Amino acid sequence: MEENINLKDILKSSDTTIIDVRTEEEFMIENSNHSINIVLDQIPDNVNEIAKMQPVVLCCTAGVRSEQAVNFLKENGLTQVYNGGSWINVQTMLDS
């Protein structure tokens, strides 16, 4: 996770979008409240739409796929994208 940011504050902001990059099957089994599902391999096709959603916190199972998505989005000019790690971590921060 990135330093110098308070991820919990970003997550609790009403204008933040939470994107879960796991497969549709994984997402349907369990997910964080208020998250949307954009599968990792669909991120490149949705860059312009995601840019309109900023700030964005991405999550997955352990944080690996979400980190890949964050890196890709930053390489494509987005600045308010953050790795929330696992969807469980994101939900825990939302609940606290």
PDB file of N, CA and C in Angstrom:
ATOM      1  N   MET A   1       0.823  -1.187   0.000  1.00  0.00           N
ATOM      2  CA  MET A   1       0.000   0.000   0.000  1.00  0.00           C
ATOM      3  C   MET A   1       0.865   1.248   0.000  1.00  0.00           C
ATOM      4  N   GLU A   2       0.296   2.306  -0.500  1.00  0.00           N
ATOM      5  CA  GLU A   2       1.058   3.534  -0.636  1.00  0.00           C
ATOM      6  C   GLU A   2       1.210   4.243   0.706  1.00  0.00           C
ATOM      7  N   GLU A   3       2.293   4.990   0.812  1.00  0.00           N
ATOM      8  CA  GLU A   3       2.522   5.761   2.014  1.00  0.00           C
ATOM      9  C   GLU A   3       1.978   7.159   1.820  1.00  0.00           C
ATOM     10  N   ASN A   4       1.853   7.906   2.905  1.00  0.00           N
ATOM     11  CA  ASN A   4       1.407   9.294   2.900  1.00  0.00           C
ATOM     12  C   ASN A   4      -0.048   9.459   2.467  1.00  0.00           C
ATOM     13  N   ILE A   5      -0.812   8.407   2.507  1.00  0.00           N
ATOM     14  CA  ILE A   5      -2.240   8.527   2.269  1.00  0.00           C
ATOM     15  C   ILE A   5      -2.956   7.802   3.400  1.00  0.00           C
ATOM     16  N   ASN A   6      -4.148   8.265   3.717  1.00  0.00           N
ATOM     17  CA  ASN A   6      -4.956   7.562   4.693  1.00  0.00           C
ATOM     18  C   ASN A   6      -6.040   6.835   3.917  1.00  0.00           C
ATOM     19  N   LEU A   7      -5.798   5.571   3.631  1.00  0.00           N
ATOM     20  CA  LEU A   7      -6.699   4.793   2.799  1.00  0.00           C
ATOM     21  C   LEU A   7      -8.092   4.716   3.406  1.00  0.00           C
ATOM     22  N   LYS A   8      -8.177   4.629   4.718  1.00  0.00           N
ATOM     23  CA  LYS A   8      -9.490   4.559   5.357  1.00  0.00           C
ATOM     24  C   LYS A   8     -10.301   5.821   5.066  1.00  0.00           C
ATOM     25  N   ASP A   9      -9.661   6.979   5.149  1.00  0.00           N
ATOM     26  CA  ASP A   9     -10.364   8.226   4.839  1.00  0.00           C
ATOM     27  C   ASP A   9     -10.814   8.255   3.381  1.00  0.00           C
ATOM     28  N   ILE A  10      -9.956   7.789   2.488  1.00  0.00           N
ATOM     29  CA  ILE A  10     -10.310   7.757   1.069  1.00  0.00           C
ATOM     30  C   ILE A  10     -11.496   6.812   0.861  1.00  0.00           C
ATOM     31  N   LEU A  11     -11.450   5.639   1.484  1.00  0.00           N
ATOM     32  CA  LEU A  11     -12.534   4.675   1.334  1.00  0.00           C
ATOM     33  C   LEU A  11     -13.858   5.218   1.852  1.00  0.00           C
ATOM     34  N   LYS A  12     -13.810   5.965   2.934  1.00  0.00           N
ATOM     35  CA  LYS A  12     -15.045   6.455   3.550  1.00  0.00           C
ATOM     36  C   LYS A  12     -15.580   7.719   2.889  1.00  0.00           C
ATOM     37  N   SER A  13     -14.828   8.275   1.954  1.00  0.00           N
ATOM     38  CA  SER A  13     -15.291   9.444   1.219  1.00  0.00           C
ATOM     39  C   SER A  13     -16.426   9.028   0.285  1.00  0.00           C
ATOM     40  N   SER A  14     -17.467   9.822   0.240  1.00  0.00           N
ATOM     41  CA  SER A  14     -18.650   9.455  -0.547  1.00  0.00           C
ATOM     42  C   SER A  14     -18.382   9.439  -2.044  1.00  0.00           C
ATOM     43  N   ASP A  15     -17.318  10.100  -2.491  1.00  0.00           N
ATOM     44  CA  ASP A  15     -17.068  10.139  -3.938  1.00  0.00           C
ATOM     45  C   ASP A  15     -16.075   9.076  -4.410  1.00  0.00           C
ATOM     46  N   THR A  16     -15.654   8.196  -3.505  1.00  0.00           N
ATOM     47  CA  THR A  16     -14.707   7.140  -3.865  1.00  0.00           C
ATOM     48  C   THR A  16     -15.428   5.941  -4.466  1.00  0.00           C
ATOM     49  N   THR A  17     -14.844   5.397  -5.522  1.00  0.00           N
ATOM     50  CA  THR A  17     -15.351   4.178  -6.150  1.00  0.00           C
ATOM     51  C   THR A  17     -14.441   3.025  -5.758  1.00  0.00           C
ATOM     52  N   ILE A  18     -15.034   1.918  -5.340  1.00  0.00           N
ATOM     53  CA  ILE A  18     -14.277   0.708  -5.009  1.00  0.00           C
ATOM     54  C   ILE A  18     -14.459  -0.271  -6.157  1.00  0.00           C
ATOM     55  N   ILE A  19     -13.326  -0.666  -6.755  1.00  0.00           N
ATOM     56  CA  ILE A  19     -13.362  -1.601  -7.877  1.00  0.00           C
ATOM     57  C   ILE A  19     -12.671  -2.891  -7.469  1.00  0.00           C
ATOM     58  N   ASP A  20     -13.388  -3.982  -7.545  1.00  0.00           N
ATOM     59  CA  ASP A  20     -12.868  -5.317  -7.268  1.00  0.00           C
ATOM     60  C   ASP A  20     -12.475  -5.926  -8.615  1.00  0.00           C
ATOM     61  N   VAL A  21     -11.202  -6.295  -8.762  1.00  0.00           N
ATOM     62  CA  VAL A  21     -10.703  -6.780 -10.048  1.00  0.00           C
ATOM     63  C   VAL A  21     -10.670  -8.305 -10.153  1.00  0.00           C
ATOM     64  N   ARG A  22     -11.289  -8.991  -9.192  1.00  0.00           N
ATOM     65  CA  ARG A  22     -11.345 -10.456  -9.259  1.00  0.00           C
ATOM     66  C   ARG A  22     -12.302 -10.890 -10.373  1.00  0.00           C
ATOM     67  N   THR A  23     -12.325 -12.178 -10.644  1.00  0.00           N
ATOM     68  CA  THR A  23     -13.247 -12.708 -11.647  1.00  0.00           C
ATOM     69  C   THR A  23     -14.687 -12.496 -11.199  1.00  0.00           C
ATOM     70  N   GLU A  24     -15.588 -12.561 -12.151  1.00  0.00           N
ATOM     71  CA  GLU A  24     -17.010 -12.407 -11.826  1.00  0.00           C
ATOM     72  C   GLU A  24     -17.450 -13.478 -10.832  1.00  0.00           C
ATOM     73  N   GLU A  25     -16.938 -14.702 -10.998  1.00  0.00           N
ATOM     74  CA  GLU A  25     -17.293 -15.791 -10.092  1.00  0.00           C
ATOM     75  C   GLU A  25     -16.839 -15.496  -8.668  1.00  0.00           C
ATOM     76  N   GLU A  26     -15.599 -15.032  -8.517  1.00  0.00           N
ATOM     77  CA  GLU A  26     -15.091 -14.689  -7.186  1.00  0.00           C
ATOM     78  C   GLU A  26     -15.919 -13.570  -6.569  1.00  0.00           C
ATOM     79  N   PHE A  27     -16.221 -12.566  -7.368  1.00  0.00           N
ATOM     80  CA  PHE A  27     -16.978 -11.404  -6.892  1.00  0.00           C
ATOM     81  C   PHE A  27     -18.376 -11.810  -6.429  1.00  0.00           C
ATOM     82  N   MET A  28     -19.024 -12.712  -7.169  1.00  0.00           N
ATOM     83  CA  MET A  28     -20.389 -13.120  -6.832  1.00  0.00           C
ATOM     84  C   MET A  28     -20.447 -13.890  -5.515  1.00  0.00           C
ATOM     85  N   ILE A  29     -19.384 -14.608  -5.172  1.00  0.00           N
ATOM     86  CA  ILE A  29     -19.378 -15.383  -3.933  1.00  0.00           C
ATOM     87  C   ILE A  29     -19.363 -14.446  -2.729  1.00  0.00           C
ATOM     88  N   GLU A  30     -18.457 -13.478  -2.723  1.00  0.00           N
ATOM     89  CA  GLU A  30     -18.352 -12.495  -1.646  1.00  0.00           C
ATOM     90  C   GLU A  30     -17.674 -11.262  -2.189  1.00  0.00           C
ATOM     91  N   ASN A  31     -18.061 -10.095  -1.645  1.00  0.00           N
ATOM     92  CA  ASN A  31     -17.412  -8.853  -2.050  1.00  0.00           C
ATOM     93  C   ASN A  31     -17.636  -7.782  -1.000  1.00  0.00           C
ATOM     94  N   SER A  32     -16.901  -6.710  -1.141  1.00  0.00           N
ATOM     95  CA  SER A  32     -17.017  -5.584  -0.229  1.00  0.00           C
ATOM     96  C   SER A  32     -18.266  -4.775  -0.579  1.00  0.00           C
ATOM     97  N   ASN A  33     -18.920  -4.256   0.437  1.00  0.00           N
ATOM     98  CA  ASN A  33     -20.099  -3.420   0.221  1.00  0.00           C
ATOM     99  C   ASN A  33     -19.776  -2.281  -0.728  1.00  0.00           C
ATOM    100  N   HIS A  34     -20.685  -1.997  -1.618  1.00  0.00           N
ATOM    101  CA  HIS A  34     -20.594  -0.849  -2.526  1.00  0.00           C
ATOM    102  C   HIS A  34     -19.488  -0.968  -3.571  1.00  0.00           C
ATOM    103  N   SER A  35     -18.877  -2.135  -3.702  1.00  0.00           N
ATOM    104  CA  SER A  35     -17.844  -2.288  -4.725  1.00  0.00           C
ATOM    105  C   SER A  35     -18.484  -2.691  -6.042  1.00  0.00           C
ATOM    106  N   ILE A  36     -17.772  -2.375  -7.119  1.00  0.00           N
ATOM    107  CA  ILE A  36     -18.192  -2.824  -8.432  1.00  0.00           C
ATOM    108  C   ILE A  36     -17.131  -3.780  -8.957  1.00  0.00           C
ATOM    109  N   ASN A  37     -17.496  -4.597  -9.904  1.00  0.00           N
ATOM    110  CA  ASN A  37     -16.578  -5.609 -10.428  1.00  0.00           C
ATOM    111  C   ASN A  37     -16.153  -5.240 -11.841  1.00  0.00           C
ATOM    112  N   ILE A  38     -14.864  -4.947 -11.994  1.00  0.00           N
ATOM    113  CA  ILE A  38     -14.260  -4.814 -13.315  1.00  0.00           C
ATOM    114  C   ILE A  38     -13.060  -5.759 -13.298  1.00  0.00           C
ATOM    115  N   VAL A  39     -13.196  -6.876 -13.975  1.00  0.00           N
ATOM    116  CA  VAL A  39     -12.166  -7.918 -13.970  1.00  0.00           C
ATOM    117  C   VAL A  39     -10.845  -7.333 -14.478  1.00  0.00           C
ATOM    118  N   LEU A  40      -9.746  -7.783 -13.893  1.00  0.00           N
ATOM    119  CA  LEU A  40      -8.422  -7.244 -14.205  1.00  0.00           C
ATOM    120  C   LEU A  40      -8.178  -7.114 -15.703  1.00  0.00           C
ATOM    121  N   ASP A  41      -8.499  -8.148 -16.475  1.00  0.00           N
ATOM    122  CA  ASP A  41      -8.198  -8.075 -17.903  1.00  0.00           C
ATOM    123  C   ASP A  41      -9.131  -7.128 -18.669  1.00  0.00           C
ATOM    124  N   GLN A  42     -10.142  -6.577 -17.990  1.00  0.00           N
ATOM    125  CA  GLN A  42     -11.027  -5.594 -18.603  1.00  0.00           C
ATOM    126  C   GLN A  42     -10.630  -4.155 -18.243  1.00  0.00           C
ATOM    127  N   ILE A  43      -9.644  -4.009 -17.351  1.00  0.00           N
ATOM    128  CA  ILE A  43      -9.204  -2.669 -16.934  1.00  0.00           C
ATOM    129  C   ILE A  43      -8.737  -1.840 -18.143  1.00  0.00           C
ATOM    130  N   PRO A  44      -7.901  -2.383 -19.051  1.00  0.00           N
ATOM    131  CA  PRO A  44      -7.454  -1.562 -20.184  1.00  0.00           C
ATOM    132  C   PRO A  44      -8.599  -1.010 -21.035  1.00  0.00           C
ATOM    133  N   ASP A  45      -9.664  -1.776 -21.185  1.00  0.00           N
ATOM    134  CA  ASP A  45     -10.801  -1.330 -21.985  1.00  0.00           C
ATOM    135  C   ASP A  45     -11.669  -0.304 -21.268  1.00  0.00           C
ATOM    136  N   ASN A  46     -11.425  -0.111 -19.975  1.00  0.00           N
ATOM    137  CA  ASN A  46     -12.272   0.772 -19.171  1.00  0.00           C
ATOM    138  C   ASN A  46     -11.525   1.960 -18.575  1.00  0.00           C
ATOM    139  N   VAL A  47     -10.321   2.245 -19.070  1.00  0.00           N
ATOM    140  CA  VAL A  47      -9.509   3.325 -18.502  1.00  0.00           C
ATOM    141  C   VAL A  47     -10.258   4.656 -18.501  1.00  0.00           C
ATOM    142  N   ASN A  48     -10.873   5.013 -19.606  1.00  0.00           N
ATOM    143  CA  ASN A  48     -11.558   6.309 -19.678  1.00  0.00           C
ATOM    144  C   ASN A  48     -12.720   6.384 -18.702  1.00  0.00           C
ATOM    145  N   GLU A  49     -13.454   5.297 -18.563  1.00  0.00           N
ATOM    146  CA  GLU A  49     -14.578   5.270 -17.617  1.00  0.00           C
ATOM    147  C   GLU A  49     -14.064   5.335 -16.174  1.00  0.00           C
ATOM    148  N   ILE A  50     -13.001   4.590 -15.879  1.00  0.00           N
ATOM    149  CA  ILE A  50     -12.426   4.598 -14.525  1.00  0.00           C
ATOM    150  C   ILE A  50     -11.882   5.983 -14.198  1.00  0.00           C
ATOM    151  N   ALA A  51     -11.323   6.671 -15.180  1.00  0.00           N
ATOM    152  CA  ALA A  51     -10.805   8.028 -14.954  1.00  0.00           C
ATOM    153  C   ALA A  51     -11.903   8.948 -14.433  1.00  0.00           C
ATOM    154  N   LYS A  52     -13.129   8.750 -14.878  1.00  0.00           N
ATOM    155  CA  LYS A  52     -14.261   9.573 -14.437  1.00  0.00           C
ATOM    156  C   LYS A  52     -14.720   9.209 -13.032  1.00  0.00           C
ATOM    157  N   MET A  53     -14.295   8.049 -12.536  1.00  0.00           N
ATOM    158  CA  MET A  53     -14.725   7.562 -11.219  1.00  0.00           C
ATOM    159  C   MET A  53     -13.784   7.984 -10.088  1.00  0.00           C
ATOM    160  N   GLN A  54     -12.653   8.585 -10.399  1.00  0.00           N
ATOM    161  CA  GLN A  54     -11.647   8.891  -9.381  1.00  0.00           C
ATOM    162  C   GLN A  54     -12.226   9.770  -8.274  1.00  0.00           C
ATOM    163  N   PRO A  55     -11.765   9.533  -7.032  1.00  0.00           N
ATOM    164  CA  PRO A  55     -10.750   8.565  -6.589  1.00  0.00           C
ATOM    165  C   PRO A  55     -11.288   7.134  -6.616  1.00  0.00           C
ATOM    166  N   VAL A  56     -10.360   6.205  -6.874  1.00  0.00           N
ATOM    167  CA  VAL A  56     -10.695   4.796  -7.006  1.00  0.00           C
ATOM    168  C   VAL A  56      -9.786   3.984  -6.094  1.00  0.00           C
ATOM    169  N   VAL A  57     -10.390   3.050  -5.344  1.00  0.00           N
ATOM    170  CA  VAL A  57      -9.634   2.077  -4.564  1.00  0.00           C
ATOM    171  C   VAL A  57      -9.902   0.728  -5.200  1.00  0.00           C
ATOM    172  N   LEU A  58      -8.821   0.024  -5.551  1.00  0.00           N
ATOM    173  CA  LEU A  58      -8.940  -1.287  -6.184  1.00  0.00           C
ATOM    174  C   LEU A  58      -8.614  -2.375  -5.182  1.00  0.00           C
ATOM    175  N   CYS A  59      -9.302  -3.504  -5.307  1.00  0.00           N
ATOM    176  CA  CYS A  59      -9.053  -4.626  -4.406  1.00  0.00           C
ATOM    177  C   CYS A  59      -9.215  -5.932  -5.167  1.00  0.00           C
ATOM    178  N   CYS A  60      -8.772  -7.017  -4.523  1.00  0.00           N
ATOM    179  CA  CYS A  60      -8.893  -8.357  -5.113  1.00  0.00           C
ATOM    180  C   CYS A  60      -8.861  -9.364  -3.967  1.00  0.00           C
ATOM    181  N   THR A  61      -8.155 -10.461  -4.132  1.00  0.00           N
ATOM    182  CA  THR A  61      -8.074 -11.462  -3.070  1.00  0.00           C
ATOM    183  C   THR A  61      -6.966 -11.139  -2.079  1.00  0.00           C
ATOM    184  N   ALA A  62      -5.790 -10.786  -2.582  1.00  0.00           N
ATOM    185  CA  ALA A  62      -4.644 -10.538  -1.707  1.00  0.00           C
ATOM    186  C   ALA A  62      -3.936  -9.220  -1.993  1.00  0.00           C
ATOM    187  N   GLY A  63      -4.309  -8.529  -3.054  1.00  0.00           N
ATOM    188  CA  GLY A  63      -3.677  -7.259  -3.379  1.00  0.00           C
ATOM    189  C   GLY A  63      -2.748  -7.305  -4.577  1.00  0.00           C
ATOM    190  N   VAL A  64      -2.521  -8.483  -5.126  1.00  0.00           N
ATOM    191  CA  VAL A  64      -1.598  -8.612  -6.255  1.00  0.00           C
ATOM    192  C   VAL A  64      -2.242  -8.101  -7.542  1.00  0.00           C
ATOM    193  N   ARG A  65      -3.432  -8.593  -7.851  1.00  0.00           N
ATOM    194  CA  ARG A  65      -4.111  -8.144  -9.075  1.00  0.00           C
ATOM    195  C   ARG A  65      -4.494  -6.674  -8.986  1.00  0.00           C
ATOM    196  N   SER A  66      -4.908  -6.227  -7.804  1.00  0.00           N
ATOM    197  CA  SER A  66      -5.271  -4.815  -7.666  1.00  0.00           C
ATOM    198  C   SER A  66      -4.042  -3.929  -7.832  1.00  0.00           C
ATOM    199  N   GLU A  67      -2.878  -4.378  -7.398  1.00  0.00           N
ATOM    200  CA  GLU A  67      -1.646  -3.607  -7.603  1.00  0.00           C
ATOM    201  C   GLU A  67      -1.306  -3.530  -9.090  1.00  0.00           C
ATOM    202  N   GLN A  68      -1.523  -4.616  -9.814  1.00  0.00           N
ATOM    203  CA  GLN A  68      -1.300  -4.586 -11.258  1.00  0.00           C
ATOM    204  C   GLN A  68      -2.226  -3.562 -11.918  1.00  0.00           C
ATOM    205  N   ALA A  69      -3.472  -3.536 -11.481  1.00  0.00           N
ATOM    206  CA  ALA A  69      -4.431  -2.583 -12.039  1.00  0.00           C
ATOM    207  C   ALA A  69      -4.045  -1.147 -11.701  1.00  0.00           C
ATOM    208  N   VAL A  70      -3.636  -0.897 -10.460  1.00  0.00           N
ATOM    209  CA  VAL A  70      -3.201   0.451 -10.047  1.00  0.00           C
ATOM    210  C   VAL A  70      -2.021   0.894 -10.907  1.00  0.00           C
ATOM    211  N   ASN A  71      -1.039   0.026 -11.064  1.00  0.00           N
ATOM    212  CA  ASN A  71       0.136   0.379 -11.866  1.00  0.00           C
ATOM    213  C   ASN A  71      -0.251   0.696 -13.302  1.00  0.00           C
ATOM    214  N   PHE A  72      -1.124  -0.107 -13.892  1.00  0.00           N
ATOM    215  CA  PHE A  72      -1.562   0.127 -15.261  1.00  0.00           C
ATOM    216  C   PHE A  72      -2.287   1.472 -15.374  1.00  0.00           C
ATOM    217  N   LEU A  73      -3.180   1.731 -14.438  1.00  0.00           N
ATOM    218  CA  LEU A  73      -3.946   2.981 -14.490  1.00  0.00           C
ATOM    219  C   LEU A  73      -3.037   4.197 -14.314  1.00  0.00           C
ATOM    220  N   LYS A  74      -2.067   4.095 -13.427  1.00  0.00           N
ATOM    221  CA  LYS A  74      -1.117   5.208 -13.245  1.00  0.00           C
ATOM    222  C   LYS A  74      -0.281   5.412 -14.500  1.00  0.00           C
ATOM    223  N   GLU A  75       0.126   4.325 -15.134  1.00  0.00           N
ATOM    224  CA  GLU A  75       0.890   4.431 -16.389  1.00  0.00           C
ATOM    225  C   GLU A  75       0.069   5.101 -17.485  1.00  0.00           C
ATOM    226  N   ASN A  76      -1.244   5.079 -17.333  1.00  0.00           N
ATOM    227  CA  ASN A  76      -2.140   5.673 -18.316  1.00  0.00           C
ATOM    228  C   ASN A  76      -2.728   7.000 -17.847  1.00  0.00           C
ATOM    229  N   GLY A  77      -2.039   7.636 -16.888  1.00  0.00           N
ATOM    230  CA  GLY A  77      -2.352   9.003 -16.527  1.00  0.00           C
ATOM    231  C   GLY A  77      -3.293   9.219 -15.360  1.00  0.00           C
ATOM    232  N   LEU A  78      -3.842   8.178 -14.763  1.00  0.00           N
ATOM    233  CA  LEU A  78      -4.715   8.373 -13.617  1.00  0.00           C
ATOM    234  C   LEU A  78      -3.862   8.621 -12.375  1.00  0.00           C
ATOM    235  N   THR A  79      -4.328   9.501 -11.515  1.00  0.00           N
ATOM    236  CA  THR A  79      -3.540   9.862 -10.341  1.00  0.00           C
ATOM    237  C   THR A  79      -4.197   9.477  -9.023  1.00  0.00           C
ATOM    238  N   GLN A  80      -5.511   9.367  -8.993  1.00  0.00           N
ATOM    239  CA  GLN A  80      -6.203   9.066  -7.741  1.00  0.00           C
ATOM    240  C   GLN A  80      -6.667   7.617  -7.724  1.00  0.00           C
ATOM    241  N   VAL A  81      -5.703   6.716  -7.847  1.00  0.00           N
ATOM    242  CA  VAL A  81      -5.978   5.280  -7.806  1.00  0.00           C
ATOM    243  C   VAL A  81      -5.108   4.662  -6.717  1.00  0.00           C
ATOM    244  N   TYR A  82      -5.724   3.814  -5.911  1.00  0.00           N
ATOM    245  CA  TYR A  82      -5.058   3.277  -4.722  1.00  0.00           C
ATOM    246  C   TYR A  82      -5.322   1.786  -4.610  1.00  0.00           C
ATOM    247  N   ASN A  83      -4.325   1.057  -4.103  1.00  0.00           N
ATOM    248  CA  ASN A  83      -4.467  -0.372  -3.878  1.00  0.00           C
ATOM    249  C   ASN A  83      -4.985  -0.586  -2.460  1.00  0.00           C
ATOM    250  N   GLY A  84      -6.194  -1.132  -2.371  1.00  0.00           N
ATOM    251  CA  GLY A  84      -6.778  -1.434  -1.067  1.00  0.00           C
ATOM    252  C   GLY A  84      -6.388  -2.805  -0.550  1.00  0.00           C
ATOM    253  N   GLY A  85      -5.669  -3.566  -1.367  1.00  0.00           N
ATOM    254  CA  GLY A  85      -5.291  -4.916  -0.954  1.00  0.00           C
ATOM    255  C   GLY A  85      -6.451  -5.871  -1.163  1.00  0.00           C
ATOM    256  N   SER A  86      -6.703  -6.700  -0.174  1.00  0.00           N
ATOM    257  CA  SER A  86      -7.794  -7.671  -0.296  1.00  0.00           C
ATOM    258  C   SER A  86      -9.144  -6.983  -0.113  1.00  0.00           C
ATOM    259  N   TRP A  87     -10.180  -7.570  -0.683  1.00  0.00           N
ATOM    260  CA  TRP A  87     -11.514  -7.016  -0.507  1.00  0.00           C
ATOM    261  C   TRP A  87     -11.920  -7.088   0.964  1.00  0.00           C
ATOM    262  N   ILE A  88     -11.400  -8.081   1.687  1.00  0.00           N
ATOM    263  CA  ILE A  88     -11.692  -8.178   3.118  1.00  0.00           C
ATOM    264  C   ILE A  88     -11.059  -7.012   3.873  1.00  0.00           C
ATOM    265  N   ASN A  89      -9.832  -6.638   3.502  1.00  0.00           N
ATOM    266  CA  ASN A  89      -9.180  -5.479   4.096  1.00  0.00           C
ATOM    267  C   ASN A  89     -10.003  -4.214   3.851  1.00  0.00           C
ATOM    268  N   VAL A  90     -10.484  -4.051   2.636  1.00  0.00           N
ATOM    269  CA  VAL A  90     -11.312  -2.895   2.303  1.00  0.00           C
ATOM    270  C   VAL A  90     -12.569  -2.873   3.142  1.00  0.00           C
ATOM    271  N   GLN A  91     -13.244  -4.006   3.246  1.00  0.00           N
ATOM    272  CA  GLN A  91     -14.477  -4.079   4.035  1.00  0.00           C
ATOM    273  C   GLN A  91     -14.206  -3.796   5.504  1.00  0.00           C
ATOM    274  N   THR A  92     -13.093  -4.300   6.029  1.00  0.00           N
ATOM    275  CA  THR A  92     -12.740  -4.045   7.428  1.00  0.00           C
ATOM    276  C   THR A  92     -12.557  -2.544   7.676  1.00  0.00           C
ATOM    277  N   MET A  93     -11.903  -1.849   6.751  1.00  0.00           N
ATOM    278  CA  MET A  93     -11.721  -0.403   6.905  1.00  0.00           C
ATOM    279  C   MET A  93     -13.052   0.329   6.802  1.00  0.00           C
ATOM    280  N   LEU A  94     -13.932  -0.121   5.933  1.00  0.00           N
ATOM    281  CA  LEU A  94     -15.249   0.502   5.830  1.00  0.00           C
ATOM    282  C   LEU A  94     -16.064   0.316   7.094  1.00  0.00           C
ATOM    283  N   ASP A  95     -15.907  -0.848   7.729  1.00  0.00           N
ATOM    284  CA  ASP A  95     -16.688  -1.169   8.927  1.00  0.00           C
ATOM    285  C   ASP A  95     -16.148  -0.507  10.198  1.00  0.00           C
ATOM    286  N   SER A  96     -14.890  -0.079  10.181  1.00  0.00           N
ATOM    287  CA  SER A  96     -14.293   0.442  11.424  1.00  0.00           C
ATOM    288  C   SER A  96     -14.568   1.928  11.602  1.00  0.00           C
TER     289      SER A  96
END
